[in-house]
């Protein structure tokens, strides 16, 4: 259902303990579509964090279990991405506590974080790091790549 996907960008403050509110539209989707008030959080290769409803995370683990554990890239995927997953429940204010190790990986040092809704997942970035990452991309090159893959812009 289109109105049940994560989308949009939300900038929020993170406190010194690593607590940050999950955007209200994302909490609503989690409650209505998935029937839960928690997320699985993992580190990803772009130096950001990715959050999944537990149902979506289960699909990732199921897929991962079918990969060759002797392949060096698969080993790295297991060791970096899969092993970094933690389950986070919302507190009464709708906040999650991002573990220090995850904040360190994503270079989130307090201040502002950016939540990006990406269909069935959410990325969490340090706001300045996201701006820096986007400044390095060539929009026309990205658009060409998307079109070559059959995507629509």
N, C-alpha and C. Protein backbone atom coordinates (compact mmCIF):
# COMPACT_ATOMS: atom_id res chain seq x y z
N UNK A 1 0.85 -1.17 0.00
CA UNK A 1 0.00 0.00 0.00
C UNK A 1 0.89 1.24 0.00
N UNK A 2 0.67 2.17 -0.91
CA UNK A 2 1.53 3.32 -1.07
C UNK A 2 1.61 4.17 0.18
N UNK A 3 0.49 4.40 0.85
CA UNK A 3 0.52 5.26 2.03
C UNK A 3 1.08 4.55 3.26
N UNK A 4 1.52 3.32 3.11
CA UNK A 4 2.11 2.57 4.21
C UNK A 4 3.62 2.42 4.08
N UNK A 5 4.24 3.16 3.17
CA UNK A 5 5.69 3.11 3.00
C UNK A 5 6.34 4.28 3.72
N UNK A 6 7.59 4.05 4.16
CA UNK A 6 8.37 5.14 4.74
C UNK A 6 8.82 6.05 3.61
N UNK A 7 8.60 7.34 3.78
CA UNK A 7 9.12 8.30 2.80
C UNK A 7 9.27 9.65 3.47
N UNK A 8 10.08 10.47 2.87
CA UNK A 8 10.30 11.81 3.38
C UNK A 8 11.60 11.92 4.17
N UNK A 9 11.95 13.17 4.45
CA UNK A 9 13.15 13.49 5.22
C UNK A 9 12.73 14.28 6.45
N UNK A 10 13.27 13.89 7.58
CA UNK A 10 12.92 14.53 8.84
C UNK A 10 14.21 14.82 9.61
N UNK A 11 14.41 16.06 9.99
CA UNK A 11 15.57 16.45 10.79
C UNK A 11 15.14 16.58 12.25
N UNK A 12 15.87 15.90 13.12
CA UNK A 12 15.55 15.90 14.55
C UNK A 12 16.84 16.04 15.36
N UNK A 13 16.67 16.49 16.59
CA UNK A 13 17.82 16.62 17.49
C UNK A 13 18.05 15.30 18.23
N UNK A 14 19.31 15.00 18.46
CA UNK A 14 19.68 13.84 19.25
C UNK A 14 20.34 14.37 20.52
N UNK A 15 19.99 13.77 21.65
CA UNK A 15 20.56 14.28 22.90
C UNK A 15 21.92 13.62 23.18
N UNK A 16 22.57 14.06 24.23
CA UNK A 16 23.93 13.60 24.54
C UNK A 16 23.98 12.12 24.90
N UNK A 17 22.84 11.54 25.29
CA UNK A 17 22.78 10.11 25.60
C UNK A 17 22.50 9.26 24.37
N UNK A 18 22.20 9.90 23.25
CA UNK A 18 21.92 9.16 22.02
C UNK A 18 20.45 8.89 21.79
N UNK A 19 19.59 9.61 22.52
CA UNK A 19 18.15 9.43 22.32
C UNK A 19 17.66 10.40 21.26
N UNK A 20 16.81 9.88 20.39
CA UNK A 20 16.22 10.70 19.33
C UNK A 20 14.81 10.21 19.06
N UNK A 21 13.91 11.13 18.80
CA UNK A 21 12.53 10.77 18.47
C UNK A 21 12.47 10.21 17.06
N UNK A 22 11.73 9.14 16.91
CA UNK A 22 11.45 8.62 15.57
C UNK A 22 10.32 9.49 15.01
N UNK A 23 10.45 9.98 13.78
CA UNK A 23 9.40 10.85 13.23
C UNK A 23 8.01 10.21 13.36
N UNK A 24 7.04 11.03 13.74
CA UNK A 24 5.67 10.54 13.96
C UNK A 24 5.12 9.76 12.77
N UNK A 25 5.31 10.22 11.51
CA UNK A 25 4.77 9.42 10.40
C UNK A 25 5.37 8.01 10.33
N UNK A 26 6.64 7.87 10.71
CA UNK A 26 7.28 6.56 10.70
C UNK A 26 6.74 5.68 11.82
N UNK A 27 6.51 6.28 12.99
CA UNK A 27 5.93 5.51 14.11
C UNK A 27 4.53 5.03 13.74
N UNK A 28 3.76 5.88 13.05
CA UNK A 28 2.41 5.49 12.63
C UNK A 28 2.44 4.31 11.67
N UNK A 29 3.36 4.31 10.73
CA UNK A 29 3.48 3.20 9.78
C UNK A 29 3.87 1.93 10.52
N UNK A 30 4.82 2.05 11.44
CA UNK A 30 5.22 0.87 12.22
C UNK A 30 4.04 0.28 12.99
N UNK A 31 3.23 1.15 13.58
CA UNK A 31 2.08 0.68 14.36
C UNK A 31 1.00 0.09 13.45
N UNK A 32 0.67 0.80 12.36
CA UNK A 32 -0.45 0.38 11.52
C UNK A 32 -0.10 -0.78 10.59
N UNK A 33 1.05 -0.72 9.95
CA UNK A 33 1.41 -1.75 8.97
C UNK A 33 2.04 -2.98 9.62
N UNK A 34 2.87 -2.72 10.65
CA UNK A 34 3.64 -3.82 11.24
C UNK A 34 3.18 -4.20 12.65
N UNK A 35 2.35 -3.38 13.25
CA UNK A 35 1.85 -3.67 14.58
C UNK A 35 2.91 -3.68 15.66
N UNK A 36 3.89 -2.79 15.54
CA UNK A 36 4.95 -2.78 16.53
C UNK A 36 5.49 -1.38 16.81
N UNK A 37 6.23 -1.27 17.89
CA UNK A 37 6.84 0.00 18.27
C UNK A 37 8.33 -0.20 18.53
N UNK A 38 8.96 -0.86 17.58
CA UNK A 38 10.40 -1.14 17.67
C UNK A 38 10.99 -1.21 16.28
N UNK A 39 12.30 -1.14 16.23
CA UNK A 39 13.04 -1.20 14.98
C UNK A 39 14.29 -2.05 15.18
N UNK A 40 14.76 -2.64 14.09
CA UNK A 40 16.08 -3.25 14.06
C UNK A 40 17.02 -2.21 13.44
N UNK A 41 18.15 -1.96 14.07
CA UNK A 41 19.08 -0.94 13.62
C UNK A 41 20.42 -1.58 13.31
N UNK A 42 20.98 -1.27 12.14
CA UNK A 42 22.26 -1.83 11.73
C UNK A 42 23.12 -0.73 11.10
N UNK A 43 24.43 -0.97 11.13
CA UNK A 43 25.36 -0.06 10.46
C UNK A 43 25.45 -0.48 9.00
N UNK A 44 25.53 0.51 8.11
CA UNK A 44 25.70 0.20 6.69
C UNK A 44 26.97 0.87 6.17
N UNK A 45 27.36 0.50 4.98
CA UNK A 45 28.68 0.84 4.45
C UNK A 45 28.87 2.32 4.16
N UNK A 46 27.80 3.08 4.02
CA UNK A 46 27.91 4.52 3.74
C UNK A 46 28.15 5.36 4.99
N UNK A 47 28.50 4.73 6.10
CA UNK A 47 28.72 5.45 7.37
C UNK A 47 27.42 6.08 7.85
N UNK A 48 26.36 5.33 7.69
CA UNK A 48 25.07 5.76 8.24
C UNK A 48 24.45 4.54 8.90
N UNK A 49 23.24 4.71 9.42
CA UNK A 49 22.53 3.63 10.07
C UNK A 49 21.28 3.31 9.25
N UNK A 50 20.86 2.07 9.30
CA UNK A 50 19.63 1.70 8.60
C UNK A 50 18.74 0.97 9.59
N UNK A 51 17.49 1.41 9.64
CA UNK A 51 16.50 0.83 10.56
C UNK A 51 15.42 0.11 9.76
N UNK A 52 14.99 -1.03 10.28
CA UNK A 52 14.00 -1.86 9.62
C UNK A 52 12.93 -2.29 10.62
N UNK A 53 11.70 -2.40 10.17
CA UNK A 53 10.71 -3.12 10.98
C UNK A 53 11.22 -4.56 11.14
N UNK A 54 10.90 -5.21 12.24
CA UNK A 54 11.43 -6.55 12.46
C UNK A 54 11.02 -7.54 11.36
N UNK A 55 9.84 -7.35 10.80
CA UNK A 55 9.39 -8.21 9.70
C UNK A 55 10.32 -8.10 8.49
N UNK A 56 10.73 -6.88 8.17
CA UNK A 56 11.63 -6.66 7.02
C UNK A 56 13.03 -7.19 7.35
N UNK A 57 13.46 -7.02 8.60
CA UNK A 57 14.78 -7.53 9.00
C UNK A 57 14.81 -9.05 8.90
N UNK A 58 13.72 -9.71 9.26
CA UNK A 58 13.66 -11.17 9.17
C UNK A 58 13.88 -11.63 7.73
N UNK A 59 13.37 -10.88 6.75
CA UNK A 59 13.59 -11.22 5.34
C UNK A 59 15.07 -11.10 4.97
N UNK A 60 15.75 -10.10 5.53
CA UNK A 60 17.18 -9.92 5.27
C UNK A 60 17.96 -11.09 5.85
N UNK A 61 17.64 -11.46 7.08
CA UNK A 61 18.34 -12.59 7.71
C UNK A 61 18.08 -13.89 6.96
N UNK A 62 16.85 -14.08 6.50
CA UNK A 62 16.53 -15.30 5.75
C UNK A 62 17.35 -15.35 4.46
N UNK A 63 17.42 -14.22 3.76
CA UNK A 63 18.23 -14.17 2.53
C UNK A 63 19.70 -14.40 2.85
N UNK A 64 20.20 -13.76 3.90
CA UNK A 64 21.61 -13.88 4.28
C UNK A 64 21.99 -15.32 4.61
N UNK A 65 21.06 -16.06 5.21
CA UNK A 65 21.37 -17.43 5.60
C UNK A 65 21.60 -18.34 4.39
N UNK A 66 21.14 -17.91 3.23
CA UNK A 66 21.33 -18.70 2.01
C UNK A 66 22.58 -18.35 1.23
N UNK A 67 23.35 -17.38 1.71
CA UNK A 67 24.57 -16.97 1.01
C UNK A 67 25.74 -17.86 1.38
N UNK A 68 26.72 -17.92 0.51
CA UNK A 68 27.91 -18.74 0.75
C UNK A 68 28.78 -18.12 1.84
N UNK A 69 28.94 -18.83 2.94
CA UNK A 69 29.74 -18.30 4.04
C UNK A 69 31.24 -18.40 3.79
N UNK A 70 31.62 -18.94 2.64
CA UNK A 70 33.05 -19.01 2.31
C UNK A 70 33.49 -17.84 1.43
N UNK A 71 32.55 -17.11 0.87
CA UNK A 71 32.88 -15.95 0.03
C UNK A 71 33.35 -14.79 0.91
N UNK A 72 34.47 -14.18 0.57
CA UNK A 72 35.04 -13.12 1.42
C UNK A 72 34.11 -11.90 1.52
N UNK A 73 33.38 -11.56 0.47
CA UNK A 73 32.46 -10.43 0.53
C UNK A 73 31.24 -10.75 1.40
N UNK A 74 30.80 -11.98 1.34
CA UNK A 74 29.69 -12.40 2.20
C UNK A 74 30.12 -12.37 3.66
N UNK A 75 31.35 -12.82 3.93
CA UNK A 75 31.87 -12.77 5.30
C UNK A 75 31.87 -11.32 5.81
N UNK A 76 32.31 -10.41 4.96
CA UNK A 76 32.33 -9.01 5.36
C UNK A 76 30.91 -8.52 5.61
N UNK A 77 29.98 -8.87 4.76
CA UNK A 77 28.56 -8.52 4.92
C UNK A 77 28.03 -9.03 6.26
N UNK A 78 28.30 -10.30 6.57
CA UNK A 78 27.88 -10.86 7.85
C UNK A 78 28.51 -10.10 9.02
N UNK A 79 29.81 -9.90 8.92
CA UNK A 79 30.55 -9.32 10.05
C UNK A 79 30.23 -7.85 10.27
N UNK A 80 29.99 -7.14 9.19
CA UNK A 80 29.73 -5.71 9.36
C UNK A 80 28.23 -5.42 9.53
N UNK A 81 27.45 -5.86 8.60
CA UNK A 81 26.03 -5.48 8.57
C UNK A 81 25.17 -6.36 9.48
N UNK A 82 25.14 -7.64 9.22
CA UNK A 82 24.25 -8.54 9.97
C UNK A 82 24.57 -8.52 11.46
N UNK A 83 25.85 -8.60 11.80
CA UNK A 83 26.22 -8.68 13.22
C UNK A 83 26.00 -7.37 13.97
N UNK A 84 25.83 -6.28 13.25
CA UNK A 84 25.65 -4.98 13.92
C UNK A 84 24.20 -4.74 14.36
N UNK A 85 23.29 -5.58 13.97
CA UNK A 85 21.87 -5.35 14.23
C UNK A 85 21.54 -5.40 15.72
N UNK A 86 20.78 -4.40 16.14
CA UNK A 86 20.26 -4.35 17.51
C UNK A 86 18.78 -4.01 17.43
N UNK A 87 18.02 -4.55 18.36
CA UNK A 87 16.59 -4.25 18.43
C UNK A 87 16.39 -3.07 19.38
N UNK A 88 15.67 -2.06 18.90
CA UNK A 88 15.41 -0.87 19.70
C UNK A 88 13.92 -0.66 19.86
N UNK A 89 13.46 -0.57 21.11
CA UNK A 89 12.05 -0.28 21.38
C UNK A 89 11.91 1.21 21.67
N UNK A 90 10.77 1.76 21.29
CA UNK A 90 10.49 3.17 21.57
C UNK A 90 10.19 3.34 23.05
N UNK A 91 10.62 4.48 23.59
CA UNK A 91 10.21 4.81 24.95
C UNK A 91 8.84 5.50 24.88
N UNK A 92 8.34 5.97 26.00
CA UNK A 92 7.00 6.58 26.04
C UNK A 92 6.90 7.85 25.20
N UNK A 93 8.04 8.49 24.92
CA UNK A 93 8.04 9.70 24.08
C UNK A 93 8.29 9.39 22.59
N UNK A 94 8.34 8.12 22.24
CA UNK A 94 8.56 7.73 20.85
C UNK A 94 10.02 7.84 20.43
N UNK A 95 10.93 7.77 21.41
CA UNK A 95 12.36 7.88 21.11
C UNK A 95 13.01 6.50 21.10
N UNK A 96 14.13 6.43 20.39
CA UNK A 96 15.00 5.27 20.45
C UNK A 96 16.33 5.73 21.03
N UNK A 97 17.05 4.81 21.61
CA UNK A 97 18.39 5.07 22.13
C UNK A 97 19.37 4.41 21.17
N UNK A 98 20.07 5.22 20.40
CA UNK A 98 21.04 4.68 19.44
C UNK A 98 22.31 4.34 20.21
N UNK A 99 22.75 3.08 20.16
CA UNK A 99 23.94 2.69 20.90
C UNK A 99 25.17 3.52 20.50
N UNK A 100 26.06 3.71 21.45
CA UNK A 100 27.27 4.51 21.21
C UNK A 100 28.08 3.97 20.03
N UNK A 101 28.19 2.66 19.91
CA UNK A 101 28.97 2.08 18.79
C UNK A 101 28.37 2.44 17.44
N UNK A 102 27.06 2.49 17.36
CA UNK A 102 26.39 2.85 16.12
C UNK A 102 26.54 4.34 15.84
N UNK A 103 26.44 5.16 16.88
CA UNK A 103 26.65 6.61 16.70
C UNK A 103 28.07 6.89 16.23
N UNK A 104 29.02 6.16 16.80
CA UNK A 104 30.41 6.34 16.40
C UNK A 104 30.61 5.99 14.93
N UNK A 105 30.05 4.84 14.52
CA UNK A 105 30.19 4.41 13.12
C UNK A 105 29.62 5.47 12.16
N UNK A 106 28.45 6.00 12.50
CA UNK A 106 27.78 6.96 11.62
C UNK A 106 28.22 8.39 11.86
N UNK A 107 29.21 8.56 12.74
CA UNK A 107 29.75 9.89 13.05
C UNK A 107 28.66 10.85 13.53
N UNK A 108 27.75 10.31 14.33
CA UNK A 108 26.69 11.12 14.94
C UNK A 108 27.21 11.55 16.30
N UNK A 109 27.52 12.83 16.41
CA UNK A 109 28.15 13.36 17.62
C UNK A 109 27.25 14.32 18.37
N UNK A 110 25.97 14.16 18.24
CA UNK A 110 25.03 15.11 18.85
C UNK A 110 24.57 16.09 17.79
N UNK A 111 23.68 16.95 18.15
CA UNK A 111 23.17 17.91 17.18
C UNK A 111 22.00 17.36 16.40
N UNK A 112 22.09 17.46 15.09
CA UNK A 112 20.98 17.11 14.21
C UNK A 112 21.22 15.80 13.48
N UNK A 113 20.18 14.97 13.43
CA UNK A 113 20.20 13.77 12.62
C UNK A 113 19.09 13.85 11.59
N UNK A 114 19.30 13.17 10.50
CA UNK A 114 18.35 13.17 9.40
C UNK A 114 17.81 11.76 9.22
N UNK A 115 16.49 11.62 9.28
CA UNK A 115 15.82 10.36 9.01
C UNK A 115 15.34 10.40 7.56
N UNK A 116 15.70 9.39 6.78
CA UNK A 116 15.26 9.28 5.39
C UNK A 116 14.35 8.07 5.25
N UNK A 117 13.11 8.29 4.82
CA UNK A 117 12.20 7.18 4.57
C UNK A 117 12.46 6.61 3.20
N UNK A 118 12.77 5.30 3.13
CA UNK A 118 13.11 4.65 1.86
C UNK A 118 12.28 3.38 1.75
N UNK A 119 11.04 3.53 1.39
CA UNK A 119 10.04 2.47 1.22
C UNK A 119 9.88 1.60 2.47
N UNK A 120 10.66 0.52 2.60
CA UNK A 120 10.48 -0.41 3.72
C UNK A 120 11.58 -0.29 4.77
N UNK A 121 12.37 0.76 4.69
CA UNK A 121 13.47 0.97 5.62
C UNK A 121 13.68 2.46 5.87
N UNK A 122 14.49 2.77 6.87
CA UNK A 122 14.77 4.15 7.25
C UNK A 122 16.28 4.28 7.40
N UNK A 123 16.86 5.30 6.77
CA UNK A 123 18.26 5.59 7.02
C UNK A 123 18.35 6.73 8.02
N UNK A 124 19.37 6.67 8.87
CA UNK A 124 19.62 7.71 9.86
C UNK A 124 21.05 8.19 9.66
N UNK A 125 21.16 9.49 9.41
CA UNK A 125 22.45 10.12 9.11
C UNK A 125 22.72 11.27 10.07
N UNK A 126 23.98 11.54 10.33
CA UNK A 126 24.36 12.82 10.88
C UNK A 126 24.03 13.82 9.77
N UNK A 127 23.35 14.91 10.10
CA UNK A 127 22.89 15.84 9.07
C UNK A 127 24.04 16.40 8.23
N UNK A 128 25.13 16.79 8.87
CA UNK A 128 26.27 17.35 8.14
C UNK A 128 26.94 16.29 7.27
N UNK A 129 27.05 15.06 7.77
CA UNK A 129 27.66 13.98 6.99
C UNK A 129 26.83 13.67 5.74
N UNK A 130 25.50 13.72 5.88
CA UNK A 130 24.63 13.48 4.72
C UNK A 130 24.85 14.56 3.67
N UNK A 131 24.89 15.82 4.10
CA UNK A 131 25.10 16.93 3.15
C UNK A 131 26.44 16.77 2.44
N UNK A 132 27.45 16.37 3.17
CA UNK A 132 28.77 16.16 2.59
C UNK A 132 28.75 15.02 1.57
N UNK A 133 28.09 13.93 1.92
CA UNK A 133 27.98 12.78 1.01
C UNK A 133 27.25 13.16 -0.27
N UNK A 134 26.16 13.89 -0.15
CA UNK A 134 25.37 14.28 -1.32
C UNK A 134 26.15 15.26 -2.21
N UNK A 135 27.02 16.05 -1.61
CA UNK A 135 27.81 17.02 -2.39
C UNK A 135 28.82 16.32 -3.29
N UNK A 136 29.18 15.07 -2.97
CA UNK A 136 30.17 14.35 -3.77
C UNK A 136 29.55 13.64 -4.97
N UNK A 137 28.23 13.58 -5.04
CA UNK A 137 27.56 12.86 -6.12
C UNK A 137 27.29 13.77 -7.31
N UNK A 138 27.39 13.18 -8.49
CA UNK A 138 27.05 13.88 -9.73
C UNK A 138 25.62 13.46 -10.09
N UNK A 139 24.65 14.38 -9.93
CA UNK A 139 23.24 14.01 -10.16
C UNK A 139 22.96 13.41 -11.54
N UNK A 140 23.60 13.92 -12.58
CA UNK A 140 23.31 13.38 -13.92
C UNK A 140 23.85 11.96 -14.06
N UNK A 141 24.99 11.67 -13.45
CA UNK A 141 25.54 10.33 -13.48
C UNK A 141 24.64 9.35 -12.72
N UNK A 142 24.14 9.79 -11.59
CA UNK A 142 23.23 8.95 -10.80
C UNK A 142 21.96 8.67 -11.59
N UNK A 143 21.40 9.71 -12.20
CA UNK A 143 20.18 9.54 -12.99
C UNK A 143 20.41 8.56 -14.14
N UNK A 144 21.55 8.66 -14.82
CA UNK A 144 21.86 7.74 -15.91
C UNK A 144 21.93 6.31 -15.40
N UNK A 145 22.56 6.11 -14.25
CA UNK A 145 22.66 4.76 -13.68
C UNK A 145 21.29 4.20 -13.33
N UNK A 146 20.44 5.04 -12.75
CA UNK A 146 19.09 4.60 -12.39
C UNK A 146 18.32 4.19 -13.66
N UNK A 147 18.42 5.01 -14.68
CA UNK A 147 17.73 4.69 -15.94
C UNK A 147 18.24 3.40 -16.55
N UNK A 148 19.56 3.16 -16.48
CA UNK A 148 20.13 1.92 -17.02
C UNK A 148 19.61 0.70 -16.28
N UNK A 149 19.31 0.85 -14.99
CA UNK A 149 18.79 -0.26 -14.19
C UNK A 149 17.29 -0.43 -14.36
N UNK A 150 16.68 0.43 -15.16
CA UNK A 150 15.24 0.33 -15.38
C UNK A 150 14.42 1.09 -14.36
N UNK A 151 15.08 1.91 -13.57
CA UNK A 151 14.36 2.71 -12.57
C UNK A 151 13.70 3.91 -13.19
N UNK A 152 12.85 4.53 -12.42
CA UNK A 152 12.13 5.71 -12.89
C UNK A 152 12.45 6.89 -11.99
N UNK A 153 12.69 8.01 -12.62
CA UNK A 153 12.92 9.25 -11.87
C UNK A 153 11.93 10.28 -12.40
